[in-house]
Amino acid sequence: MRRELREPLGLLLEGEPRETAARLGEMVRCRRPILLASVGDACSKSLGEAGIQPDIAVVDNRVMRGDVDPVGLGDRVVVPSRNPPGTIDADSWRALEEAVRLKRGVAVIVEGEEDLLVLPLIELMPLGSLIAYGQPRAGMVVVEVTEERKRWANGFMSRMEEG
């Protein structure tokens, strides 16, 4: 299953953070997503530096397993969450539900690891939303929330529970 998650879950925008953030900005202007979420400190930081403010930012103050300074997320409602590495904890699920309910200006601050939280976000966010996350040493992945993506995420999480 880990191998499956190493592949981009959506469109891979290859390049440096500044370039990929600018390309995502163009996508946002053209598509006008219902909601935009970013998962990961590096991704959230590069979007902020490009003037793109995701509606929901999910961060854990870590990049590539190393501690980093907290991302400057501006004036946001902070929803704390616990999520042990390699899991999707009930607490993080609840935090993401709250973030999606609030819709705008939300930061989910994870104690633990946020990597897998793209999966419940796919399931929880409205159709037509976009989720951006970093693909190490490659660029940024943009997932469009569709019925097909929701079914896939739900199935993947079910397999995680079984395994």
N, C-alpha and C. Protein backbone atom coordinates (compact mmCIF):
# COMPACT_ATOMS: atom_id res chain seq x y z
N MET A 1 0.82 -1.19 0.00
CA MET A 1 0.00 0.00 0.00
C MET A 1 0.87 1.26 0.00
N ARG A 2 2.00 1.22 0.71
CA ARG A 2 2.89 2.39 0.73
C ARG A 2 3.36 2.74 -0.67
N ARG A 3 3.64 1.70 -1.45
CA ARG A 3 4.11 1.90 -2.82
C ARG A 3 3.05 2.66 -3.63
N GLU A 4 1.80 2.29 -3.41
CA GLU A 4 0.69 2.94 -4.10
C GLU A 4 0.63 4.43 -3.78
N LEU A 5 0.95 4.78 -2.54
CA LEU A 5 0.90 6.19 -2.13
C LEU A 5 2.12 6.99 -2.58
N ARG A 6 3.16 6.31 -3.04
CA ARG A 6 4.32 7.04 -3.55
C ARG A 6 4.01 7.67 -4.91
N GLU A 7 3.02 7.12 -5.58
CA GLU A 7 2.59 7.69 -6.87
C GLU A 7 1.69 8.89 -6.59
N PRO A 8 1.78 9.94 -7.44
CA PRO A 8 0.89 11.09 -7.24
C PRO A 8 -0.58 10.67 -7.30
N LEU A 9 -1.39 11.23 -6.41
CA LEU A 9 -2.82 10.94 -6.38
C LEU A 9 -3.60 11.82 -7.35
N GLY A 10 -2.90 12.74 -7.99
CA GLY A 10 -3.54 13.65 -8.93
C GLY A 10 -2.51 14.13 -9.94
N LEU A 11 -2.67 15.37 -10.38
CA LEU A 11 -1.78 15.97 -11.37
C LEU A 11 -0.48 16.41 -10.70
N LEU A 12 0.66 15.90 -11.19
CA LEU A 12 1.96 16.30 -10.66
C LEU A 12 2.43 17.53 -11.42
N LEU A 13 2.61 18.63 -10.68
CA LEU A 13 3.21 19.84 -11.23
C LEU A 13 4.69 19.77 -10.89
N GLU A 14 5.52 19.49 -11.88
CA GLU A 14 6.95 19.32 -11.61
C GLU A 14 7.64 20.66 -11.56
N GLY A 15 8.67 20.74 -10.71
CA GLY A 15 9.47 21.96 -10.65
C GLY A 15 9.72 22.43 -9.24
N GLU A 16 10.32 23.60 -9.17
CA GLU A 16 10.64 24.24 -7.90
C GLU A 16 9.37 24.79 -7.26
N PRO A 17 9.38 24.95 -5.93
CA PRO A 17 8.17 25.41 -5.23
C PRO A 17 7.56 26.69 -5.81
N ARG A 18 8.37 27.66 -6.16
CA ARG A 18 7.84 28.92 -6.70
C ARG A 18 7.08 28.67 -8.01
N GLU A 19 7.66 27.83 -8.88
CA GLU A 19 7.02 27.52 -10.17
C GLU A 19 5.71 26.76 -9.97
N THR A 20 5.75 25.75 -9.13
CA THR A 20 4.56 24.92 -8.96
C THR A 20 3.43 25.70 -8.29
N ALA A 21 3.79 26.57 -7.35
CA ALA A 21 2.77 27.41 -6.70
C ALA A 21 2.13 28.35 -7.72
N ALA A 22 2.95 28.92 -8.61
CA ALA A 22 2.40 29.81 -9.64
C ALA A 22 1.46 29.05 -10.57
N ARG A 23 1.84 27.82 -10.92
CA ARG A 23 0.97 27.02 -11.80
C ARG A 23 -0.34 26.66 -11.10
N LEU A 24 -0.26 26.35 -9.80
CA LEU A 24 -1.49 26.09 -9.05
C LEU A 24 -2.35 27.35 -9.01
N GLY A 25 -1.72 28.50 -8.84
CA GLY A 25 -2.46 29.76 -8.84
C GLY A 25 -3.26 29.94 -10.12
N GLU A 26 -2.66 29.60 -11.25
CA GLU A 26 -3.37 29.66 -12.54
C GLU A 26 -4.56 28.70 -12.56
N MET A 27 -4.34 27.49 -12.05
CA MET A 27 -5.43 26.51 -11.99
C MET A 27 -6.58 27.03 -11.14
N VAL A 28 -6.24 27.63 -10.01
CA VAL A 28 -7.28 28.15 -9.11
C VAL A 28 -8.06 29.26 -9.80
N ARG A 29 -7.36 30.16 -10.50
CA ARG A 29 -8.05 31.24 -11.21
C ARG A 29 -8.96 30.71 -12.31
N CYS A 30 -8.51 29.67 -13.01
CA CYS A 30 -9.31 29.11 -14.11
C CYS A 30 -10.47 28.25 -13.61
N ARG A 31 -10.20 27.39 -12.65
CA ARG A 31 -11.21 26.41 -12.20
C ARG A 31 -12.14 26.92 -11.11
N ARG A 32 -11.68 27.89 -10.34
CA ARG A 32 -12.46 28.41 -9.22
C ARG A 32 -13.02 27.27 -8.35
N PRO A 33 -12.11 26.54 -7.68
CA PRO A 33 -12.56 25.40 -6.87
C PRO A 33 -13.47 25.84 -5.73
N ILE A 34 -14.35 24.93 -5.31
CA ILE A 34 -15.22 25.18 -4.17
C ILE A 34 -14.36 25.51 -2.95
N LEU A 35 -13.39 24.66 -2.65
CA LEU A 35 -12.42 24.87 -1.57
C LEU A 35 -11.03 24.49 -2.08
N LEU A 36 -10.01 25.10 -1.49
CA LEU A 36 -8.63 24.74 -1.77
C LEU A 36 -7.97 24.37 -0.44
N ALA A 37 -7.37 23.19 -0.39
CA ALA A 37 -6.65 22.76 0.81
C ALA A 37 -5.20 22.49 0.45
N SER A 38 -4.32 22.75 1.39
CA SER A 38 -2.92 22.36 1.24
C SER A 38 -2.58 21.42 2.40
N VAL A 39 -1.81 20.40 2.08
CA VAL A 39 -1.37 19.44 3.10
C VAL A 39 0.15 19.44 3.08
N GLY A 40 0.73 19.75 4.23
CA GLY A 40 2.18 19.76 4.34
C GLY A 40 2.72 21.16 4.52
N ASP A 41 3.79 21.25 5.30
CA ASP A 41 4.38 22.55 5.62
C ASP A 41 5.03 23.19 4.41
N ALA A 42 5.81 22.43 3.64
CA ALA A 42 6.50 23.00 2.49
C ALA A 42 5.49 23.50 1.45
N CYS A 43 4.48 22.71 1.18
CA CYS A 43 3.45 23.09 0.21
C CYS A 43 2.70 24.33 0.69
N SER A 44 2.28 24.33 1.94
CA SER A 44 1.53 25.47 2.50
C SER A 44 2.38 26.74 2.48
N LYS A 45 3.67 26.59 2.79
CA LYS A 45 4.57 27.75 2.79
C LYS A 45 4.74 28.30 1.38
N SER A 46 4.98 27.42 0.40
CA SER A 46 5.20 27.91 -0.97
C SER A 46 3.94 28.58 -1.52
N LEU A 47 2.77 28.06 -1.17
CA LEU A 47 1.53 28.71 -1.62
C LEU A 47 1.40 30.09 -1.00
N GLY A 48 1.65 30.19 0.31
CA GLY A 48 1.58 31.48 0.98
C GLY A 48 2.54 32.49 0.39
N GLU A 49 3.76 32.05 0.08
CA GLU A 49 4.75 32.95 -0.51
C GLU A 49 4.34 33.41 -1.90
N ALA A 50 3.51 32.62 -2.58
CA ALA A 50 3.01 32.99 -3.92
C ALA A 50 1.71 33.80 -3.83
N GLY A 51 1.28 34.10 -2.61
CA GLY A 51 0.05 34.88 -2.45
C GLY A 51 -1.22 34.07 -2.56
N ILE A 52 -1.09 32.75 -2.49
CA ILE A 52 -2.26 31.87 -2.56
C ILE A 52 -2.58 31.40 -1.15
N GLN A 53 -3.76 31.72 -0.68
CA GLN A 53 -4.17 31.35 0.67
C GLN A 53 -5.16 30.20 0.61
N PRO A 54 -4.71 28.97 0.88
CA PRO A 54 -5.67 27.87 0.88
C PRO A 54 -6.74 28.09 1.94
N ASP A 55 -7.92 27.61 1.65
CA ASP A 55 -9.01 27.70 2.63
C ASP A 55 -8.68 26.88 3.87
N ILE A 56 -8.05 25.73 3.64
CA ILE A 56 -7.67 24.82 4.73
C ILE A 56 -6.19 24.48 4.54
N ALA A 57 -5.40 24.68 5.58
CA ALA A 57 -3.99 24.29 5.56
C ALA A 57 -3.77 23.25 6.65
N VAL A 58 -3.16 22.13 6.28
CA VAL A 58 -2.90 21.04 7.23
C VAL A 58 -1.38 20.92 7.36
N VAL A 59 -0.86 21.20 8.55
CA VAL A 59 0.59 21.21 8.76
C VAL A 59 0.95 20.49 10.07
N ASP A 60 2.23 20.07 10.14
CA ASP A 60 2.71 19.40 11.36
C ASP A 60 4.05 19.95 11.85
N ASN A 61 4.50 21.06 11.26
CA ASN A 61 5.78 21.69 11.62
C ASN A 61 6.96 20.75 11.39
N ARG A 62 6.84 19.95 10.32
CA ARG A 62 7.93 19.05 9.92
C ARG A 62 7.98 19.00 8.39
N VAL A 63 9.21 18.89 7.86
CA VAL A 63 9.41 18.70 6.43
C VAL A 63 10.44 17.59 6.27
N MET A 64 10.11 16.57 5.51
CA MET A 64 11.00 15.44 5.27
C MET A 64 11.53 14.87 6.59
N ARG A 65 10.63 14.71 7.56
CA ARG A 65 10.90 14.11 8.87
C ARG A 65 11.73 15.00 9.80
N GLY A 66 12.03 16.24 9.38
CA GLY A 66 12.78 17.15 10.24
C GLY A 66 11.92 18.30 10.72
N ASP A 67 12.17 18.77 11.92
CA ASP A 67 11.41 19.89 12.48
C ASP A 67 11.70 21.17 11.71
N VAL A 68 10.67 21.99 11.53
CA VAL A 68 10.80 23.30 10.89
C VAL A 68 10.03 24.33 11.71
N ASP A 69 10.34 25.59 11.48
CA ASP A 69 9.57 26.65 12.12
C ASP A 69 8.14 26.60 11.62
N PRO A 70 7.19 26.95 12.47
CA PRO A 70 5.79 26.95 12.03
C PRO A 70 5.59 27.84 10.80
N VAL A 71 4.78 27.35 9.88
CA VAL A 71 4.46 28.09 8.66
C VAL A 71 3.62 29.30 9.06
N GLY A 72 3.94 30.47 8.50
CA GLY A 72 3.12 31.66 8.75
C GLY A 72 1.80 31.53 8.00
N LEU A 73 0.75 31.23 8.71
CA LEU A 73 -0.55 30.99 8.08
C LEU A 73 -1.52 32.15 8.24
N GLY A 74 -1.04 33.25 8.79
CA GLY A 74 -1.91 34.41 8.95
C GLY A 74 -2.96 34.19 10.03
N ASP A 75 -4.01 34.96 9.93
CA ASP A 75 -5.09 34.93 10.92
C ASP A 75 -6.07 33.81 10.55
N ARG A 76 -5.93 32.67 11.18
CA ARG A 76 -6.77 31.51 10.87
C ARG A 76 -7.36 30.93 12.14
N VAL A 77 -8.45 30.23 11.98
CA VAL A 77 -8.99 29.42 13.06
C VAL A 77 -8.09 28.19 13.15
N VAL A 78 -7.55 27.93 14.32
CA VAL A 78 -6.66 26.78 14.51
C VAL A 78 -7.46 25.62 15.08
N VAL A 79 -7.35 24.48 14.39
CA VAL A 79 -7.99 23.25 14.85
C VAL A 79 -6.85 22.26 15.15
N PRO A 80 -6.60 21.98 16.42
CA PRO A 80 -5.52 21.05 16.76
C PRO A 80 -5.93 19.60 16.49
N SER A 81 -4.91 18.77 16.23
CA SER A 81 -5.18 17.37 15.92
C SER A 81 -4.00 16.51 16.35
N ARG A 82 -4.29 15.28 16.71
CA ARG A 82 -3.26 14.28 16.96
C ARG A 82 -3.38 13.22 15.87
N ASN A 83 -2.23 12.87 15.29
CA ASN A 83 -2.24 11.83 14.26
C ASN A 83 -0.89 11.13 14.24
N PRO A 84 -0.78 9.96 14.90
CA PRO A 84 0.49 9.23 14.90
C PRO A 84 0.94 8.90 13.47
N PRO A 85 2.27 8.85 13.24
CA PRO A 85 2.79 8.54 11.92
C PRO A 85 2.19 7.25 11.34
N GLY A 86 1.90 7.28 10.05
CA GLY A 86 1.40 6.11 9.35
C GLY A 86 -0.04 5.77 9.62
N THR A 87 -0.80 6.70 10.22
CA THR A 87 -2.19 6.42 10.57
C THR A 87 -3.11 7.54 10.10
N ILE A 88 -4.40 7.26 10.19
CA ILE A 88 -5.44 8.28 10.09
C ILE A 88 -6.25 8.12 11.37
N ASP A 89 -5.93 8.93 12.36
CA ASP A 89 -6.53 8.82 13.68
C ASP A 89 -7.92 9.44 13.70
N ALA A 90 -8.78 8.94 14.58
CA ALA A 90 -10.13 9.50 14.72
C ALA A 90 -10.08 10.97 15.08
N ASP A 91 -9.09 11.38 15.86
CA ASP A 91 -8.96 12.79 16.23
C ASP A 91 -8.67 13.66 15.01
N SER A 92 -7.81 13.17 14.13
CA SER A 92 -7.50 13.95 12.93
C SER A 92 -8.70 13.99 11.99
N TRP A 93 -9.45 12.89 11.92
CA TRP A 93 -10.67 12.87 11.10
C TRP A 93 -11.65 13.94 11.60
N ARG A 94 -11.83 13.99 12.93
CA ARG A 94 -12.72 14.98 13.52
C ARG A 94 -12.23 16.40 13.21
N ALA A 95 -10.93 16.62 13.30
CA ALA A 95 -10.37 17.95 13.02
C ALA A 95 -10.60 18.34 11.56
N LEU A 96 -10.43 17.40 10.65
CA LEU A 96 -10.66 17.69 9.23
C LEU A 96 -12.14 17.96 8.95
N GLU A 97 -13.02 17.20 9.60
CA GLU A 97 -14.46 17.47 9.45
C GLU A 97 -14.78 18.90 9.89
N GLU A 98 -14.21 19.30 11.01
CA GLU A 98 -14.42 20.66 11.52
C GLU A 98 -13.88 21.70 10.54
N ALA A 99 -12.69 21.45 9.99
CA ALA A 99 -12.09 22.38 9.03
C ALA A 99 -12.96 22.53 7.79
N VAL A 100 -13.47 21.43 7.27
CA VAL A 100 -14.32 21.48 6.07
C VAL A 100 -15.64 22.18 6.40
N ARG A 101 -16.16 21.95 7.60
CA ARG A 101 -17.40 22.62 8.00
C ARG A 101 -17.19 24.14 8.07
N LEU A 102 -16.05 24.57 8.60
CA LEU A 102 -15.75 26.00 8.73
C LEU A 102 -15.47 26.66 7.37
N LYS A 103 -14.94 25.89 6.44
CA LYS A 103 -14.72 26.26 5.04
C LYS A 103 -13.57 27.21 4.75
N ARG A 104 -13.39 28.26 5.47
CA ARG A 104 -12.40 29.27 5.08
C ARG A 104 -11.50 29.65 6.25
N GLY A 105 -10.23 29.90 5.93
CA GLY A 105 -9.33 30.41 6.94
C GLY A 105 -9.07 29.47 8.10
N VAL A 106 -8.81 28.20 7.79
CA VAL A 106 -8.63 27.19 8.84
C VAL A 106 -7.22 26.59 8.73
N ALA A 107 -6.58 26.41 9.88
CA ALA A 107 -5.31 25.69 9.94
C ALA A 107 -5.49 24.50 10.87
N VAL A 108 -5.27 23.31 10.34
CA VAL A 108 -5.27 22.09 11.16
C VAL A 108 -3.80 21.85 11.52
N ILE A 109 -3.49 21.99 12.79
CA ILE A 109 -2.12 21.81 13.27
C ILE A 109 -2.03 20.42 13.88
N VAL A 110 -1.25 19.57 13.24
CA VAL A 110 -1.18 18.16 13.60
C VAL A 110 0.01 17.90 14.51
N GLU A 111 -0.25 17.24 15.60
CA GLU A 111 0.82 16.71 16.45
C GLU A 111 1.00 15.27 15.98
N GLY A 112 2.12 15.01 15.34
CA GLY A 112 2.35 13.69 14.74
C GLY A 112 2.72 13.88 13.29
N GLU A 113 1.93 13.31 12.41
CA GLU A 113 2.25 13.34 10.97
C GLU A 113 0.99 13.59 10.16
N GLU A 114 1.10 14.49 9.17
CA GLU A 114 -0.06 14.84 8.37
C GLU A 114 -0.10 14.16 7.01
N ASP A 115 0.92 13.38 6.66
CA ASP A 115 1.07 12.86 5.31
C ASP A 115 -0.18 12.16 4.76
N LEU A 116 -0.78 11.28 5.54
CA LEU A 116 -1.92 10.50 5.04
C LEU A 116 -3.25 11.25 5.08
N LEU A 117 -3.25 12.45 5.61
CA LEU A 117 -4.52 13.17 5.78
C LEU A 117 -5.10 13.70 4.48
N VAL A 118 -4.34 13.56 3.39
CA VAL A 118 -4.92 13.86 2.07
C VAL A 118 -6.11 12.94 1.82
N LEU A 119 -6.02 11.69 2.27
CA LEU A 119 -7.07 10.70 1.99
C LEU A 119 -8.42 11.08 2.60
N PRO A 120 -8.50 11.37 3.91
CA PRO A 120 -9.80 11.79 4.43
C PRO A 120 -10.26 13.13 3.86
N LEU A 121 -9.31 14.01 3.53
CA LEU A 121 -9.73 15.28 2.91
C LEU A 121 -10.44 15.03 1.58
N ILE A 122 -9.93 14.07 0.80
CA ILE A 122 -10.59 13.75 -0.46
C ILE A 122 -12.04 13.34 -0.19
N GLU A 123 -12.23 12.52 0.82
CA GLU A 123 -13.57 12.05 1.14
C GLU A 123 -14.46 13.16 1.71
N LEU A 124 -13.89 14.06 2.51
CA LEU A 124 -14.68 15.05 3.22
C LEU A 124 -14.97 16.34 2.44
N MET A 125 -14.09 16.71 1.53
CA MET A 125 -14.26 17.99 0.84
C MET A 125 -15.32 17.90 -0.26
N PRO A 126 -15.97 19.02 -0.56
CA PRO A 126 -17.00 19.01 -1.60
C PRO A 126 -16.42 18.73 -2.99
N LEU A 127 -17.24 18.14 -3.83
CA LEU A 127 -16.85 17.92 -5.23
C LEU A 127 -16.43 19.26 -5.83
N GLY A 128 -15.41 19.21 -6.67
CA GLY A 128 -14.93 20.43 -7.32
C GLY A 128 -13.87 21.16 -6.52
N SER A 129 -13.51 20.64 -5.35
CA SER A 129 -12.45 21.23 -4.54
C SER A 129 -11.09 20.74 -5.05
N LEU A 130 -10.04 21.42 -4.65
CA LEU A 130 -8.67 21.01 -4.99
C LEU A 130 -7.87 20.84 -3.70
N ILE A 131 -7.01 19.83 -3.70
CA ILE A 131 -6.10 19.58 -2.58
C ILE A 131 -4.69 19.55 -3.15
N ALA A 132 -3.79 20.34 -2.57
CA ALA A 132 -2.40 20.36 -3.01
C ALA A 132 -1.52 19.78 -1.91
N TYR A 133 -0.53 18.99 -2.33
CA TYR A 133 0.46 18.48 -1.38
C TYR A 133 1.78 18.31 -2.10
N GLY A 134 2.86 18.29 -1.34
CA GLY A 134 4.18 18.17 -1.94
C GLY A 134 4.53 16.73 -2.28
N GLN A 135 5.20 16.58 -3.43
CA GLN A 135 5.75 15.28 -3.84
C GLN A 135 7.26 15.41 -3.73
N PRO A 136 7.88 14.79 -2.70
CA PRO A 136 9.31 15.00 -2.45
C PRO A 136 10.18 14.84 -3.70
N ARG A 137 11.06 15.80 -3.87
CA ARG A 137 12.03 15.83 -4.96
C ARG A 137 11.40 15.83 -6.34
N ALA A 138 10.12 16.21 -6.44
CA ALA A 138 9.46 16.22 -7.75
C ALA A 138 8.67 17.50 -7.98
N GLY A 139 7.88 17.91 -7.01
CA GLY A 139 7.04 19.10 -7.19
C GLY A 139 5.83 19.07 -6.28
N MET A 140 4.70 19.45 -6.86
CA MET A 140 3.45 19.55 -6.11
C MET A 140 2.38 18.74 -6.83
N VAL A 141 1.57 18.03 -6.06
CA VAL A 141 0.47 17.25 -6.62
C VAL A 141 -0.83 18.00 -6.33
N VAL A 142 -1.69 18.07 -7.34
CA VAL A 142 -3.00 18.70 -7.19
C VAL A 142 -4.06 17.63 -7.44
N VAL A 143 -4.87 17.38 -6.42
CA VAL A 143 -5.95 16.39 -6.51
C VAL A 143 -7.26 17.13 -6.67
N GLU A 144 -7.98 16.83 -7.74
CA GLU A 144 -9.33 17.37 -7.90
C GLU A 144 -10.29 16.40 -7.23
N VAL A 145 -11.15 16.91 -6.37
CA VAL A 145 -12.10 16.06 -5.65
C VAL A 145 -13.26 15.74 -6.60
N THR A 146 -13.31 14.47 -6.99
CA THR A 146 -14.37 13.95 -7.87
C THR A 146 -15.00 12.74 -7.19
N GLU A 147 -16.12 12.29 -7.73
CA GLU A 147 -16.74 11.06 -7.20
C GLU A 147 -15.76 9.89 -7.30
N GLU A 148 -15.06 9.80 -8.42
CA GLU A 148 -14.11 8.70 -8.61
C GLU A 148 -12.99 8.74 -7.56
N ARG A 149 -12.44 9.94 -7.32
CA ARG A 149 -11.38 10.08 -6.31
C ARG A 149 -11.91 9.75 -4.92
N LYS A 150 -13.15 10.16 -4.61
CA LYS A 150 -13.75 9.85 -3.31
C LYS A 150 -13.88 8.33 -3.13
N ARG A 151 -14.34 7.63 -4.17
CA ARG A 151 -14.48 6.16 -4.09
C ARG A 151 -13.12 5.52 -3.86
N TRP A 152 -12.11 6.00 -4.60
CA TRP A 152 -10.77 5.45 -4.46
C TRP A 152 -10.25 5.66 -3.03
N ALA A 153 -10.36 6.88 -2.51
CA ALA A 153 -9.86 7.19 -1.17
C ALA A 153 -10.58 6.35 -0.12
N ASN A 154 -11.90 6.22 -0.26
CA ASN A 154 -12.67 5.42 0.68
C ASN A 154 -12.21 3.97 0.66
N GLY A 155 -12.02 3.42 -0.54
CA GLY A 155 -11.55 2.04 -0.67
C GLY A 155 -10.16 1.85 -0.10
N PHE A 156 -9.28 2.81 -0.34
CA PHE A 156 -7.92 2.72 0.17
C PHE A 156 -7.93 2.74 1.70
N MET A 157 -8.70 3.65 2.28
CA MET A 157 -8.76 3.72 3.74
C MET A 157 -9.38 2.46 4.34
N SER A 158 -10.34 1.86 3.65
CA SER A 158 -10.92 0.59 4.12
C SER A 158 -9.86 -0.50 4.13
N ARG A 159 -9.02 -0.54 3.10
CA ARG A 159 -7.95 -1.53 3.05
C ARG A 159 -6.93 -1.28 4.16
N MET A 160 -6.69 0.00 4.50
CA MET A 160 -5.78 0.32 5.61
C MET A 160 -6.31 -0.25 6.91
N GLU A 161 -7.61 -0.12 7.14
CA GLU A 161 -8.23 -0.63 8.37
C GLU A 161 -8.11 -2.14 8.46
N GLU A 162 -8.27 -2.82 7.31
CA GLU A 162 -8.20 -4.28 7.29
C GLU A 162 -6.78 -4.77 7.54
N GLY A 163 -5.80 -4.01 6.98
CA GLY A 163 -4.40 -4.44 7.04
C GLY A 163 -3.79 -4.10 8.31
